[in-house]
Amino acid sequence: MKHITIITGGESDERVISLQSAKGVHDVLVEKGYDVTQYCFPEEMRQFVAESTQYDFVRVMVHGV
């Protein structure tokens, strides 16, 4: 099984859209049987970096950097 990571959030006015988009992608991937982890930028970036060797694929969904 592939482990997919989604990075979401951001510090712009589009943060809410990023979170909504990431939730939709997360839900579909889980439904398809993938192991999915989500990290919210910038709060969880240290954790993401510390755990980065565990991922097969990373999808960045930060809007309006």
PDB file of N, CA and C in Angstrom:
ATOM      1  N   MET A   1       0.843  -1.182   0.000  1.00  0.00           N
ATOM      2  CA  MET A   1       0.000   0.000   0.000  1.00  0.00           C
ATOM      3  C   MET A   1       0.885   1.241   0.000  1.00  0.00           C
ATOM      4  N   LYS A   2       0.530   2.196  -0.776  1.00  0.00           N
ATOM      5  CA  LYS A   2       1.251   3.461  -0.834  1.00  0.00           C
ATOM      6  C   LYS A   2       0.831   4.354   0.321  1.00  0.00           C
ATOM      7  N   HIS A   3       1.833   5.051   0.891  1.00  0.00           N
ATOM      8  CA  HIS A   3       1.566   6.033   1.935  1.00  0.00           C
ATOM      9  C   HIS A   3       1.651   7.407   1.289  1.00  0.00           C
ATOM     10  N   ILE A   4       0.542   8.108   1.261  1.00  0.00           N
ATOM     11  CA  ILE A   4       0.459   9.420   0.633  1.00  0.00           C
ATOM     12  C   ILE A   4       0.315  10.481   1.708  1.00  0.00           C
ATOM     13  N   THR A   5       1.043  11.570   1.524  1.00  0.00           N
ATOM     14  CA  THR A   5       0.984  12.690   2.452  1.00  0.00           C
ATOM     15  C   THR A   5       0.420  13.904   1.741  1.00  0.00           C
ATOM     16  N   ILE A   6      -0.453  14.615   2.425  1.00  0.00           N
ATOM     17  CA  ILE A   6      -1.035  15.846   1.905  1.00  0.00           C
ATOM     18  C   ILE A   6      -0.563  16.995   2.795  1.00  0.00           C
ATOM     19  N   ILE A   7      -0.029  18.032   2.160  1.00  0.00           N
ATOM     20  CA  ILE A   7       0.332  19.256   2.894  1.00  0.00           C
ATOM     21  C   ILE A   7      -0.720  20.296   2.553  1.00  0.00           C
ATOM     22  N   THR A   8      -1.325  20.867   3.560  1.00  0.00           N
ATOM     23  CA  THR A   8      -2.431  21.803   3.376  1.00  0.00           C
ATOM     24  C   THR A   8      -2.248  23.024   4.272  1.00  0.00           C
ATOM     25  N   GLY A   9      -3.182  23.942   4.209  1.00  0.00           N
ATOM     26  CA  GLY A   9      -3.149  25.116   5.076  1.00  0.00           C
ATOM     27  C   GLY A   9      -2.591  26.335   4.379  1.00  0.00           C
ATOM     28  N   GLY A  10      -1.553  26.905   4.975  1.00  0.00           N
ATOM     29  CA  GLY A  10      -0.976  28.135   4.455  1.00  0.00           C
ATOM     30  C   GLY A  10      -1.353  29.306   5.332  1.00  0.00           C
ATOM     31  N   GLU A  11      -0.822  30.447   4.971  1.00  0.00           N
ATOM     32  CA  GLU A  11      -1.042  31.645   5.784  1.00  0.00           C
ATOM     33  C   GLU A  11      -1.824  32.736   5.056  1.00  0.00           C
ATOM     34  N   SER A  12      -2.342  32.414   3.874  1.00  0.00           N
ATOM     35  CA  SER A  12      -3.072  33.420   3.111  1.00  0.00           C
ATOM     36  C   SER A  12      -4.568  33.327   3.404  1.00  0.00           C
ATOM     37  N   ASP A  13      -5.322  34.216   2.772  1.00  0.00           N
ATOM     38  CA  ASP A  13      -6.783  34.199   2.908  1.00  0.00           C
ATOM     39  C   ASP A  13      -7.401  32.940   2.302  1.00  0.00           C
ATOM     40  N   GLU A  14      -6.634  32.206   1.508  1.00  0.00           N
ATOM     41  CA  GLU A  14      -7.143  31.004   0.858  1.00  0.00           C
ATOM     42  C   GLU A  14      -6.919  29.733   1.683  1.00  0.00           C
ATOM     43  N   ARG A  15      -6.502  29.899   2.929  1.00  0.00           N
ATOM     44  CA  ARG A  15      -6.261  28.754   3.818  1.00  0.00           C
ATOM     45  C   ARG A  15      -7.493  27.843   3.917  1.00  0.00           C
ATOM     46  N   VAL A  16      -8.656  28.444   4.067  1.00  0.00           N
ATOM     47  CA  VAL A  16      -9.889  27.665   4.225  1.00  0.00           C
ATOM     48  C   VAL A  16     -10.138  26.811   2.984  1.00  0.00           C
ATOM     49  N   ILE A  17      -9.899  27.367   1.811  1.00  0.00           N
ATOM     50  CA  ILE A  17     -10.076  26.615   0.561  1.00  0.00           C
ATOM     51  C   ILE A  17      -9.089  25.457   0.498  1.00  0.00           C
ATOM     52  N   SER A  18      -7.851  25.702   0.922  1.00  0.00           N
ATOM     53  CA  SER A  18      -6.838  24.650   0.947  1.00  0.00           C
ATOM     54  C   SER A  18      -7.273  23.500   1.846  1.00  0.00           C
ATOM     55  N   LEU A  19      -7.779  23.828   3.020  1.00  0.00           N
ATOM     56  CA  LEU A  19      -8.229  22.801   3.960  1.00  0.00           C
ATOM     57  C   LEU A  19      -9.401  21.999   3.385  1.00  0.00           C
ATOM     58  N   GLN A  20     -10.332  22.683   2.728  1.00  0.00           N
ATOM     59  CA  GLN A  20     -11.483  22.002   2.127  1.00  0.00           C
ATOM     60  C   GLN A  20     -11.039  21.084   0.986  1.00  0.00           C
ATOM     61  N   SER A  21     -10.154  21.581   0.134  1.00  0.00           N
ATOM     62  CA  SER A  21      -9.655  20.773  -0.993  1.00  0.00           C
ATOM     63  C   SER A  21      -8.930  19.536  -0.485  1.00  0.00           C
ATOM     64  N   ALA A  22      -8.077  19.725   0.505  1.00  0.00           N
ATOM     65  CA  ALA A  22      -7.301  18.614   1.054  1.00  0.00           C
ATOM     66  C   ALA A  22      -8.215  17.567   1.679  1.00  0.00           C
ATOM     67  N   LYS A  23      -9.281  18.002   2.338  1.00  0.00           N
ATOM     68  CA  LYS A  23     -10.207  17.047   2.942  1.00  0.00           C
ATOM     69  C   LYS A  23     -10.859  16.180   1.868  1.00  0.00           C
ATOM     70  N   GLY A  24     -11.249  16.796   0.762  1.00  0.00           N
ATOM     71  CA  GLY A  24     -11.856  16.040  -0.326  1.00  0.00           C
ATOM     72  C   GLY A  24     -10.903  15.003  -0.907  1.00  0.00           C
ATOM     73  N   VAL A  25      -9.657  15.415  -1.151  1.00  0.00           N
ATOM     74  CA  VAL A  25      -8.656  14.492  -1.684  1.00  0.00           C
ATOM     75  C   VAL A  25      -8.359  13.392  -0.670  1.00  0.00           C
ATOM     76  N   HIS A  26      -8.209  13.763   0.599  1.00  0.00           N
ATOM     77  CA  HIS A  26      -7.960  12.796   1.670  1.00  0.00           C
ATOM     78  C   HIS A  26      -9.051  11.728   1.693  1.00  0.00           C
ATOM     79  N   ASP A  27     -10.297  12.167   1.685  1.00  0.00           N
ATOM     80  CA  ASP A  27     -11.416  11.228   1.781  1.00  0.00           C
ATOM     81  C   ASP A  27     -11.448  10.251   0.611  1.00  0.00           C
ATOM     82  N   VAL A  28     -11.189  10.731  -0.604  1.00  0.00           N
ATOM     83  CA  VAL A  28     -11.184   9.853  -1.783  1.00  0.00           C
ATOM     84  C   VAL A  28     -10.035   8.847  -1.699  1.00  0.00           C
ATOM     85  N   LEU A  29      -8.861   9.314  -1.308  1.00  0.00           N
ATOM     86  CA  LEU A  29      -7.710   8.410  -1.217  1.00  0.00           C
ATOM     87  C   LEU A  29      -7.934   7.312  -0.176  1.00  0.00           C
ATOM     88  N   VAL A  30      -8.486   7.690   0.965  1.00  0.00           N
ATOM     89  CA  VAL A  30      -8.784   6.697   2.007  1.00  0.00           C
ATOM     90  C   VAL A  30      -9.818   5.695   1.483  1.00  0.00           C
ATOM     91  N   GLU A  31     -10.822   6.204   0.796  1.00  0.00           N
ATOM     92  CA  GLU A  31     -11.851   5.329   0.219  1.00  0.00           C
ATOM     93  C   GLU A  31     -11.238   4.333  -0.772  1.00  0.00           C
ATOM     94  N   LYS A  32     -10.202   4.759  -1.484  1.00  0.00           N
ATOM     95  CA  LYS A  32      -9.515   3.900  -2.457  1.00  0.00           C
ATOM     96  C   LYS A  32      -8.517   2.949  -1.806  1.00  0.00           C
ATOM     97  N   GLY A  33      -8.333   3.072  -0.487  1.00  0.00           N
ATOM     98  CA  GLY A  33      -7.486   2.138   0.232  1.00  0.00           C
ATOM     99  C   GLY A  33      -6.070   2.596   0.515  1.00  0.00           C
ATOM    100  N   TYR A  34      -5.780   3.876   0.282  1.00  0.00           N
ATOM    101  CA  TYR A  34      -4.443   4.395   0.557  1.00  0.00           C
ATOM    102  C   TYR A  34      -4.293   4.770   2.028  1.00  0.00           C
ATOM    103  N   ASP A  35      -3.067   4.684   2.499  1.00  0.00           N
ATOM    104  CA  ASP A  35      -2.707   5.173   3.830  1.00  0.00           C
ATOM    105  C   ASP A  35      -2.359   6.649   3.663  1.00  0.00           C
ATOM    106  N   VAL A  36      -3.114   7.544   4.283  1.00  0.00           N
ATOM    107  CA  VAL A  36      -2.963   8.979   4.050  1.00  0.00           C
ATOM    108  C   VAL A  36      -2.680   9.707   5.363  1.00  0.00           C
ATOM    109  N   THR A  37      -1.688  10.586   5.312  1.00  0.00           N
ATOM    110  CA  THR A  37      -1.368  11.469   6.430  1.00  0.00           C
ATOM    111  C   THR A  37      -1.478  12.898   5.924  1.00  0.00           C
ATOM    112  N   GLN A  38      -1.983  13.776   6.764  1.00  0.00           N
ATOM    113  CA  GLN A  38      -2.136  15.176   6.373  1.00  0.00           C
ATOM    114  C   GLN A  38      -1.410  16.064   7.371  1.00  0.00           C
ATOM    115  N   TYR A  39      -0.693  17.060   6.841  1.00  0.00           N
ATOM    116  CA  TYR A  39       0.011  18.031   7.666  1.00  0.00           C
ATOM    117  C   TYR A  39      -0.441  19.430   7.278  1.00  0.00           C
ATOM    118  N   CYS A  40      -0.641  20.255   8.282  1.00  0.00           N
ATOM    119  CA  CYS A  40      -1.083  21.620   8.060  1.00  0.00           C
ATOM    120  C   CYS A  40       0.115  22.568   8.179  1.00  0.00           C
ATOM    121  N   PHE A  41       0.359  23.333   7.110  1.00  0.00           N
ATOM    122  CA  PHE A  41       1.430  24.316   7.070  1.00  0.00           C
ATOM    123  C   PHE A  41       0.939  25.611   7.697  1.00  0.00           C
ATOM    124  N   PRO A  42       1.702  26.300   8.488  1.00  0.00           N
ATOM    125  CA  PRO A  42       3.071  26.025   8.904  1.00  0.00           C
ATOM    126  C   PRO A  42       3.176  25.258  10.225  1.00  0.00           C
ATOM    127  N   GLU A  43       2.056  25.031  10.893  1.00  0.00           N
ATOM    128  CA  GLU A  43       2.083  24.462  12.242  1.00  0.00           C
ATOM    129  C   GLU A  43       2.762  23.101  12.336  1.00  0.00           C
ATOM    130  N   GLU A  44       2.576  22.255  11.357  1.00  0.00           N
ATOM    131  CA  GLU A  44       3.059  20.876  11.458  1.00  0.00           C
ATOM    132  C   GLU A  44       4.245  20.565  10.538  1.00  0.00           C
ATOM    133  N   MET A  45       4.915  21.581  10.048  1.00  0.00           N
ATOM    134  CA  MET A  45       6.017  21.337   9.107  1.00  0.00           C
ATOM    135  C   MET A  45       7.198  20.624   9.757  1.00  0.00           C
ATOM    136  N   ARG A  46       7.510  20.912  10.996  1.00  0.00           N
ATOM    137  CA  ARG A  46       8.609  20.199  11.663  1.00  0.00           C
ATOM    138  C   ARG A  46       8.301  18.711  11.778  1.00  0.00           C
ATOM    139  N   GLN A  47       7.077  18.399  12.112  1.00  0.00           N
ATOM    140  CA  GLN A  47       6.666  16.997  12.203  1.00  0.00           C
ATOM    141  C   GLN A  47       6.748  16.335  10.830  1.00  0.00           C
ATOM    142  N   PHE A  48       6.304  17.046   9.785  1.00  0.00           N
ATOM    143  CA  PHE A  48       6.383  16.512   8.428  1.00  0.00           C
ATOM    144  C   PHE A  48       7.826  16.180   8.056  1.00  0.00           C
ATOM    145  N   VAL A  49       8.736  17.091   8.312  1.00  0.00           N
ATOM    146  CA  VAL A  49      10.145  16.866   7.982  1.00  0.00           C
ATOM    147  C   VAL A  49      10.702  15.696   8.784  1.00  0.00           C
ATOM    148  N   ALA A  50      10.361  15.620  10.052  1.00  0.00           N
ATOM    149  CA  ALA A  50      10.872  14.551  10.911  1.00  0.00           C
ATOM    150  C   ALA A  50      10.397  13.175  10.456  1.00  0.00           C
ATOM    151  N   GLU A  51       9.223  13.111   9.866  1.00  0.00           N
ATOM    152  CA  GLU A  51       8.638  11.836   9.463  1.00  0.00           C
ATOM    153  C   GLU A  51       8.722  11.602   7.951  1.00  0.00           C
ATOM    154  N   SER A  52       9.449  12.429   7.234  1.00  0.00           N
ATOM    155  CA  SER A  52       9.406  12.431   5.772  1.00  0.00           C
ATOM    156  C   SER A  52       9.895  11.145   5.111  1.00  0.00           C
ATOM    157  N   THR A  53      10.647  10.321   5.789  1.00  0.00           N
ATOM    158  CA  THR A  53      11.115   9.078   5.167  1.00  0.00           C
ATOM    159  C   THR A  53      10.005   8.025   5.084  1.00  0.00           C
ATOM    160  N   GLN A  54       8.871   8.290   5.664  1.00  0.00           N
ATOM    161  CA  GLN A  54       7.777   7.324   5.680  1.00  0.00           C
ATOM    162  C   GLN A  54       6.828   7.449   4.487  1.00  0.00           C
ATOM    163  N   TYR A  55       7.029   8.430   3.623  1.00  0.00           N
ATOM    164  CA  TYR A  55       6.062   8.713   2.567  1.00  0.00           C
ATOM    165  C   TYR A  55       6.523   8.191   1.224  1.00  0.00           C
ATOM    166  N   ASP A  56       5.564   7.733   0.433  1.00  0.00           N
ATOM    167  CA  ASP A  56       5.827   7.340  -0.940  1.00  0.00           C
ATOM    168  C   ASP A  56       5.534   8.488  -1.903  1.00  0.00           C
ATOM    169  N   PHE A  57       4.625   9.366  -1.513  1.00  0.00           N
ATOM    170  CA  PHE A  57       4.194  10.457  -2.385  1.00  0.00           C
ATOM    171  C   PHE A  57       3.704  11.602  -1.518  1.00  0.00           C
ATOM    172  N   VAL A  58       4.032  12.834  -1.916  1.00  0.00           N
ATOM    173  CA  VAL A  58       3.567  14.021  -1.193  1.00  0.00           C
ATOM    174  C   VAL A  58       2.804  14.912  -2.166  1.00  0.00           C
ATOM    175  N   ARG A  59       1.611  15.324  -1.779  1.00  0.00           N
ATOM    176  CA  ARG A  59       0.788  16.235  -2.582  1.00  0.00           C
ATOM    177  C   ARG A  59       0.644  17.528  -1.819  1.00  0.00           C
ATOM    178  N   VAL A  60       1.151  18.611  -2.398  1.00  0.00           N
ATOM    179  CA  VAL A  60       1.041  19.936  -1.773  1.00  0.00           C
ATOM    180  C   VAL A  60      -0.256  20.566  -2.236  1.00  0.00           C
ATOM    181  N   MET A  61      -1.094  20.960  -1.260  1.00  0.00           N
ATOM    182  CA  MET A  61      -2.382  21.566  -1.557  1.00  0.00           C
ATOM    183  C   MET A  61      -2.531  22.900  -0.848  1.00  0.00           C
ATOM    184  N   VAL A  62      -1.447  23.625  -0.727  1.00  0.00           N
ATOM    185  CA  VAL A  62      -1.465  24.954  -0.125  1.00  0.00           C
ATOM    186  C   VAL A  62      -1.882  25.931  -1.222  1.00  0.00           C
ATOM    187  N   HIS A  63      -2.880  26.752  -0.951  1.00  0.00           N
ATOM    188  CA  HIS A  63      -3.376  27.729  -1.923  1.00  0.00           C
ATOM    189  C   HIS A  63      -2.864  29.118  -1.554  1.00  0.00           C
ATOM    190  N   GLY A  64      -2.580  29.920  -2.552  1.00  0.00           N
ATOM    191  CA  GLY A  64      -2.285  31.338  -2.353  1.00  0.00           C
ATOM    192  C   GLY A  64      -1.133  31.637  -1.440  1.00  0.00           C
ATOM    193  N   VAL A  65      -0.069  30.879  -1.565  1.00  0.00           N
ATOM    194  CA  VAL A  65       1.116  31.044  -0.718  1.00  0.00           C
ATOM    195  C   VAL A  65       1.306  32.488  -0.480  1.00  0.00           C
TER     196      VAL A  65
END
